[in-house]
Amino acid sequence: MRIKQILFYIIFLSSFSAVYSQEKGTGPKEKSINSERKLQKKVRLEAREKRRQEKAERKAIKKHHKRIQTKKVRRRMKKSKKQAQLNHDNKREPFFKRLFKKKKRKK
């Protein structure tokens, strides 16, 4: 009876050591899907925040640039911006503008 108990303990303890040795890996630990998603979400949020800050900075620079111009210059800037947008969209000037525009003299 004593030998049976000893054999039982030896087999019982060896089974735990086999399971423990299988769990311990020598390579890098595998990342779970949830941890990868959390990491990607964190990266996305940081990138989004960075873009927001850059956009706010560009907006502030543009606002400052406009603020230091005179009223005449601001009107001229607005007019030239509108003209540039029309040129970009390949649109002609409105009919009445073309009709009453001063004609260029031919030499």
N, C-alpha and C. Protein backbone atom coordinates (compact mmCIF):
# COMPACT_ATOMS: atom_id res chain seq x y z
N MET A 1 0.82 -1.18 0.00
CA MET A 1 0.00 0.00 0.00
C MET A 1 0.87 1.25 0.00
N ARG A 2 1.92 1.21 0.70
CA ARG A 2 2.81 2.36 0.77
C ARG A 2 3.44 2.65 -0.60
N ILE A 3 3.78 1.62 -1.34
CA ILE A 3 4.39 1.76 -2.66
C ILE A 3 3.38 2.38 -3.62
N LYS A 4 2.12 1.99 -3.52
CA LYS A 4 1.08 2.55 -4.38
C LYS A 4 0.92 4.05 -4.14
N GLN A 5 0.97 4.46 -2.90
CA GLN A 5 0.85 5.88 -2.58
C GLN A 5 2.05 6.67 -3.13
N ILE A 6 3.22 6.11 -2.98
CA ILE A 6 4.43 6.79 -3.50
C ILE A 6 4.36 6.91 -5.01
N LEU A 7 3.99 5.82 -5.69
CA LEU A 7 3.84 5.87 -7.15
C LEU A 7 2.76 6.90 -7.56
N PHE A 8 1.67 6.90 -6.85
CA PHE A 8 0.59 7.85 -7.14
C PHE A 8 1.10 9.30 -7.02
N TYR A 9 1.84 9.62 -5.93
CA TYR A 9 2.39 10.96 -5.74
C TYR A 9 3.39 11.32 -6.82
N ILE A 10 4.23 10.38 -7.21
CA ILE A 10 5.23 10.63 -8.25
C ILE A 10 4.53 10.94 -9.58
N ILE A 11 3.55 10.15 -9.94
CA ILE A 11 2.82 10.38 -11.19
C ILE A 11 2.04 11.69 -11.11
N PHE A 12 1.42 11.93 -9.99
CA PHE A 12 0.64 13.14 -9.80
C PHE A 12 1.51 14.40 -9.91
N LEU A 13 2.65 14.41 -9.26
CA LEU A 13 3.55 15.57 -9.30
C LEU A 13 4.21 15.75 -10.65
N SER A 14 4.52 14.64 -11.32
CA SER A 14 5.14 14.75 -12.64
C SER A 14 4.17 15.33 -13.67
N SER A 15 2.88 15.05 -13.51
CA SER A 15 1.91 15.61 -14.45
C SER A 15 1.82 17.13 -14.31
N PHE A 16 1.94 17.66 -13.09
CA PHE A 16 1.92 19.11 -12.90
C PHE A 16 3.16 19.76 -13.49
N SER A 17 4.29 19.13 -13.34
CA SER A 17 5.51 19.72 -13.87
C SER A 17 5.49 19.72 -15.39
N ALA A 18 4.86 18.74 -16.03
CA ALA A 18 4.76 18.68 -17.49
C ALA A 18 3.85 19.81 -17.99
N VAL A 19 2.77 20.04 -17.29
CA VAL A 19 1.85 21.11 -17.69
C VAL A 19 2.53 22.46 -17.51
N TYR A 20 3.25 22.63 -16.42
CA TYR A 20 3.94 23.90 -16.17
C TYR A 20 5.00 24.16 -17.22
N SER A 21 5.73 23.14 -17.62
CA SER A 21 6.78 23.33 -18.60
C SER A 21 6.20 23.65 -19.98
N GLN A 22 5.01 23.18 -20.26
CA GLN A 22 4.39 23.48 -21.54
C GLN A 22 3.90 24.92 -21.59
N GLU A 23 3.48 25.46 -20.47
CA GLU A 23 2.98 26.84 -20.45
C GLU A 23 4.11 27.84 -20.61
N LYS A 24 5.26 27.53 -20.10
CA LYS A 24 6.36 28.48 -20.15
C LYS A 24 6.98 28.40 -21.54
N GLY A 25 6.94 29.48 -22.28
CA GLY A 25 7.49 29.51 -23.62
C GLY A 25 8.83 30.21 -23.64
N THR A 26 9.63 29.85 -24.63
CA THR A 26 10.94 30.51 -24.74
C THR A 26 10.87 31.70 -25.69
N GLY A 27 9.91 31.71 -26.61
CA GLY A 27 9.80 32.79 -27.59
C GLY A 27 9.05 33.98 -27.02
N PRO A 28 8.81 34.98 -27.87
CA PRO A 28 8.07 36.16 -27.42
C PRO A 28 6.61 35.80 -27.12
N LYS A 29 6.04 36.51 -26.19
CA LYS A 29 4.65 36.26 -25.82
C LYS A 29 3.73 36.72 -26.94
N GLU A 30 2.70 35.95 -27.16
CA GLU A 30 1.72 36.32 -28.18
C GLU A 30 0.79 37.38 -27.60
N LYS A 31 0.48 38.36 -28.44
CA LYS A 31 -0.42 39.42 -27.99
C LYS A 31 -1.85 38.99 -28.27
N SER A 32 -2.72 39.30 -27.37
CA SER A 32 -4.12 38.97 -27.59
C SER A 32 -4.72 40.00 -28.54
N ILE A 33 -5.81 39.62 -29.14
CA ILE A 33 -6.48 40.49 -30.12
C ILE A 33 -6.96 41.76 -29.44
N ASN A 34 -7.48 41.62 -28.23
CA ASN A 34 -7.99 42.80 -27.51
C ASN A 34 -6.87 43.79 -27.21
N SER A 35 -5.72 43.29 -26.80
CA SER A 35 -4.62 44.22 -26.49
C SER A 35 -4.13 44.92 -27.76
N GLU A 36 -4.11 44.20 -28.88
CA GLU A 36 -3.72 44.84 -30.15
C GLU A 36 -4.72 45.91 -30.55
N ARG A 37 -6.00 45.62 -30.37
CA ARG A 37 -7.03 46.61 -30.70
C ARG A 37 -6.91 47.86 -29.83
N LYS A 38 -6.66 47.64 -28.55
CA LYS A 38 -6.50 48.79 -27.65
C LYS A 38 -5.30 49.63 -28.06
N LEU A 39 -4.21 48.96 -28.44
CA LEU A 39 -3.01 49.67 -28.86
C LEU A 39 -3.27 50.47 -30.14
N GLN A 40 -3.96 49.84 -31.10
CA GLN A 40 -4.28 50.54 -32.35
C GLN A 40 -5.21 51.72 -32.09
N LYS A 41 -6.17 51.54 -31.20
CA LYS A 41 -7.10 52.63 -30.88
C LYS A 41 -6.35 53.79 -30.25
N LYS A 42 -5.40 53.48 -29.38
CA LYS A 42 -4.61 54.52 -28.74
C LYS A 42 -3.79 55.29 -29.77
N VAL A 43 -3.20 54.57 -30.72
CA VAL A 43 -2.41 55.21 -31.78
C VAL A 43 -3.30 56.10 -32.64
N ARG A 44 -4.51 55.61 -32.97
CA ARG A 44 -5.44 56.41 -33.78
C ARG A 44 -5.85 57.69 -33.05
N LEU A 45 -6.15 57.57 -31.77
CA LEU A 45 -6.56 58.74 -31.00
C LEU A 45 -5.43 59.77 -30.90
N GLU A 46 -4.19 59.29 -30.72
CA GLU A 46 -3.05 60.22 -30.67
C GLU A 46 -2.86 60.92 -32.01
N ALA A 47 -3.00 60.18 -33.11
CA ALA A 47 -2.85 60.78 -34.44
C ALA A 47 -3.95 61.80 -34.68
N ARG A 48 -5.17 61.47 -34.26
CA ARG A 48 -6.29 62.40 -34.44
C ARG A 48 -6.07 63.69 -33.65
N GLU A 49 -5.60 63.54 -32.43
CA GLU A 49 -5.33 64.72 -31.59
C GLU A 49 -4.23 65.58 -32.20
N LYS A 50 -3.22 64.93 -32.75
CA LYS A 50 -2.12 65.67 -33.38
C LYS A 50 -2.63 66.45 -34.59
N ARG A 51 -3.48 65.80 -35.41
CA ARG A 51 -4.05 66.51 -36.57
C ARG A 51 -4.91 67.69 -36.14
N ARG A 52 -5.68 67.52 -35.06
CA ARG A 52 -6.51 68.63 -34.56
C ARG A 52 -5.64 69.81 -34.13
N GLN A 53 -4.56 69.52 -33.44
CA GLN A 53 -3.67 70.59 -32.98
C GLN A 53 -3.03 71.31 -34.17
N GLU A 54 -2.57 70.54 -35.17
CA GLU A 54 -1.97 71.16 -36.36
C GLU A 54 -2.98 72.02 -37.09
N LYS A 55 -4.21 71.54 -37.20
CA LYS A 55 -5.26 72.30 -37.89
C LYS A 55 -5.56 73.60 -37.14
N ALA A 56 -5.63 73.52 -35.82
CA ALA A 56 -5.90 74.71 -35.01
C ALA A 56 -4.75 75.71 -35.15
N GLU A 57 -3.53 75.20 -35.21
CA GLU A 57 -2.37 76.09 -35.37
C GLU A 57 -2.40 76.80 -36.71
N ARG A 58 -2.70 76.04 -37.79
CA ARG A 58 -2.79 76.67 -39.12
C ARG A 58 -3.90 77.71 -39.15
N LYS A 59 -5.03 77.40 -38.50
CA LYS A 59 -6.16 78.32 -38.47
C LYS A 59 -5.80 79.61 -37.74
N ALA A 60 -5.07 79.47 -36.64
CA ALA A 60 -4.66 80.65 -35.87
C ALA A 60 -3.70 81.52 -36.68
N ILE A 61 -2.80 80.89 -37.41
CA ILE A 61 -1.85 81.64 -38.25
C ILE A 61 -2.60 82.40 -39.33
N LYS A 62 -3.56 81.73 -39.96
CA LYS A 62 -4.35 82.36 -41.02
C LYS A 62 -5.17 83.53 -40.47
N LYS A 63 -5.75 83.33 -39.30
CA LYS A 63 -6.56 84.38 -38.67
C LYS A 63 -5.69 85.60 -38.34
N HIS A 64 -4.49 85.35 -37.83
CA HIS A 64 -3.58 86.45 -37.51
C HIS A 64 -3.18 87.20 -38.77
N HIS A 65 -2.91 86.43 -39.84
CA HIS A 65 -2.51 87.05 -41.10
C HIS A 65 -3.61 87.96 -41.63
N LYS A 66 -4.86 87.49 -41.53
CA LYS A 66 -5.98 88.31 -42.00
C LYS A 66 -6.18 89.54 -41.12
N ARG A 67 -5.99 89.36 -39.81
CA ARG A 67 -6.26 90.45 -38.86
C ARG A 67 -5.30 91.62 -39.06
N ILE A 68 -4.08 91.35 -39.48
CA ILE A 68 -3.11 92.45 -39.61
C ILE A 68 -3.23 93.19 -40.94
N GLN A 69 -4.15 92.74 -41.83
CA GLN A 69 -4.35 93.42 -43.11
C GLN A 69 -5.36 94.56 -42.94
N THR A 70 -5.25 95.53 -43.83
CA THR A 70 -6.23 96.62 -43.82
C THR A 70 -7.53 96.14 -44.47
N LYS A 71 -8.56 96.95 -44.31
CA LYS A 71 -9.87 96.56 -44.84
C LYS A 71 -9.83 96.44 -46.37
N LYS A 72 -9.12 97.36 -47.01
CA LYS A 72 -9.00 97.33 -48.46
C LYS A 72 -8.33 96.04 -48.94
N VAL A 73 -7.26 95.70 -48.24
CA VAL A 73 -6.51 94.50 -48.62
C VAL A 73 -7.35 93.24 -48.39
N ARG A 74 -8.13 93.24 -47.30
CA ARG A 74 -8.98 92.08 -47.04
C ARG A 74 -10.02 91.90 -48.15
N ARG A 75 -10.58 92.99 -48.62
CA ARG A 75 -11.54 92.92 -49.73
C ARG A 75 -10.87 92.39 -50.99
N ARG A 76 -9.66 92.89 -51.27
CA ARG A 76 -8.94 92.44 -52.44
C ARG A 76 -8.59 90.95 -52.33
N MET A 77 -8.23 90.52 -51.12
CA MET A 77 -7.91 89.10 -50.89
C MET A 77 -9.14 88.23 -51.15
N LYS A 78 -10.30 88.70 -50.67
CA LYS A 78 -11.55 87.96 -50.84
C LYS A 78 -11.90 87.85 -52.32
N LYS A 79 -11.73 88.95 -53.05
CA LYS A 79 -12.05 88.97 -54.48
C LYS A 79 -11.12 88.04 -55.25
N SER A 80 -9.84 88.10 -54.94
CA SER A 80 -8.90 87.25 -55.66
C SER A 80 -9.09 85.78 -55.31
N LYS A 81 -9.51 85.50 -54.08
CA LYS A 81 -9.79 84.11 -53.69
C LYS A 81 -10.97 83.58 -54.48
N LYS A 82 -12.00 84.40 -54.62
CA LYS A 82 -13.18 83.99 -55.38
C LYS A 82 -12.82 83.75 -56.84
N GLN A 83 -12.01 84.64 -57.40
CA GLN A 83 -11.59 84.51 -58.80
C GLN A 83 -10.75 83.24 -58.99
N ALA A 84 -9.88 82.97 -58.03
CA ALA A 84 -9.06 81.76 -58.12
C ALA A 84 -9.91 80.51 -58.06
N GLN A 85 -10.95 80.53 -57.23
CA GLN A 85 -11.85 79.37 -57.13
C GLN A 85 -12.60 79.16 -58.45
N LEU A 86 -13.03 80.24 -59.08
CA LEU A 86 -13.70 80.12 -60.38
C LEU A 86 -12.75 79.54 -61.42
N ASN A 87 -11.52 80.01 -61.42
CA ASN A 87 -10.53 79.49 -62.38
C ASN A 87 -10.26 78.01 -62.12
N HIS A 88 -10.21 77.65 -60.85
CA HIS A 88 -9.94 76.25 -60.49
C HIS A 88 -11.07 75.34 -60.95
N ASP A 89 -12.31 75.83 -60.87
CA ASP A 89 -13.47 75.04 -61.27
C ASP A 89 -13.76 75.15 -62.77
N ASN A 90 -12.92 75.88 -63.50
CA ASN A 90 -13.08 76.09 -64.96
C ASN A 90 -14.43 76.71 -65.29
N LYS A 91 -14.83 77.72 -64.53
CA LYS A 91 -16.08 78.41 -64.78
C LYS A 91 -15.79 79.79 -65.36
N ARG A 92 -16.73 80.27 -66.18
CA ARG A 92 -16.59 81.61 -66.75
C ARG A 92 -17.10 82.64 -65.76
N GLU A 93 -16.78 83.89 -66.04
CA GLU A 93 -17.32 84.98 -65.23
C GLU A 93 -18.81 85.09 -65.50
N PRO A 94 -19.59 85.62 -64.56
CA PRO A 94 -21.02 85.80 -64.79
C PRO A 94 -21.30 86.67 -66.03
N PHE A 95 -22.48 86.49 -66.61
CA PHE A 95 -22.83 87.14 -67.87
C PHE A 95 -22.74 88.67 -67.80
N PHE A 96 -23.32 89.27 -66.75
CA PHE A 96 -23.32 90.73 -66.67
C PHE A 96 -21.92 91.28 -66.44
N LYS A 97 -21.10 90.56 -65.75
CA LYS A 97 -19.72 91.01 -65.56
C LYS A 97 -18.99 91.03 -66.89
N ARG A 98 -19.20 89.98 -67.69
CA ARG A 98 -18.54 89.93 -69.00
C ARG A 98 -19.11 91.00 -69.93
N LEU A 99 -20.41 91.27 -69.80
CA LEU A 99 -21.07 92.23 -70.69
C LEU A 99 -20.56 93.65 -70.46
N PHE A 100 -20.40 94.02 -69.17
CA PHE A 100 -20.02 95.40 -68.86
C PHE A 100 -18.54 95.58 -68.55
N LYS A 101 -17.75 94.57 -68.79
CA LYS A 101 -16.32 94.70 -68.55
C LYS A 101 -15.70 95.59 -69.62
N LYS A 102 -14.69 96.37 -69.19
CA LYS A 102 -14.01 97.22 -70.16
C LYS A 102 -13.30 96.36 -71.18
N LYS A 103 -13.44 96.75 -72.44
CA LYS A 103 -12.80 96.01 -73.53
C LYS A 103 -11.32 96.38 -73.59
N LYS A 104 -10.50 95.40 -73.88
CA LYS A 104 -9.08 95.68 -74.06
C LYS A 104 -8.86 96.22 -75.47
N ARG A 105 -8.05 97.26 -75.56
CA ARG A 105 -7.78 97.84 -76.87
C ARG A 105 -6.74 97.02 -77.61
N LYS A 106 -6.98 96.85 -78.88
CA LYS A 106 -6.00 96.14 -79.69
C LYS A 106 -5.05 97.15 -80.30
N LYS A 107 -3.80 96.83 -80.26
CA LYS A 107 -2.80 97.76 -80.80
C LYS A 107 -2.55 97.54 -82.25
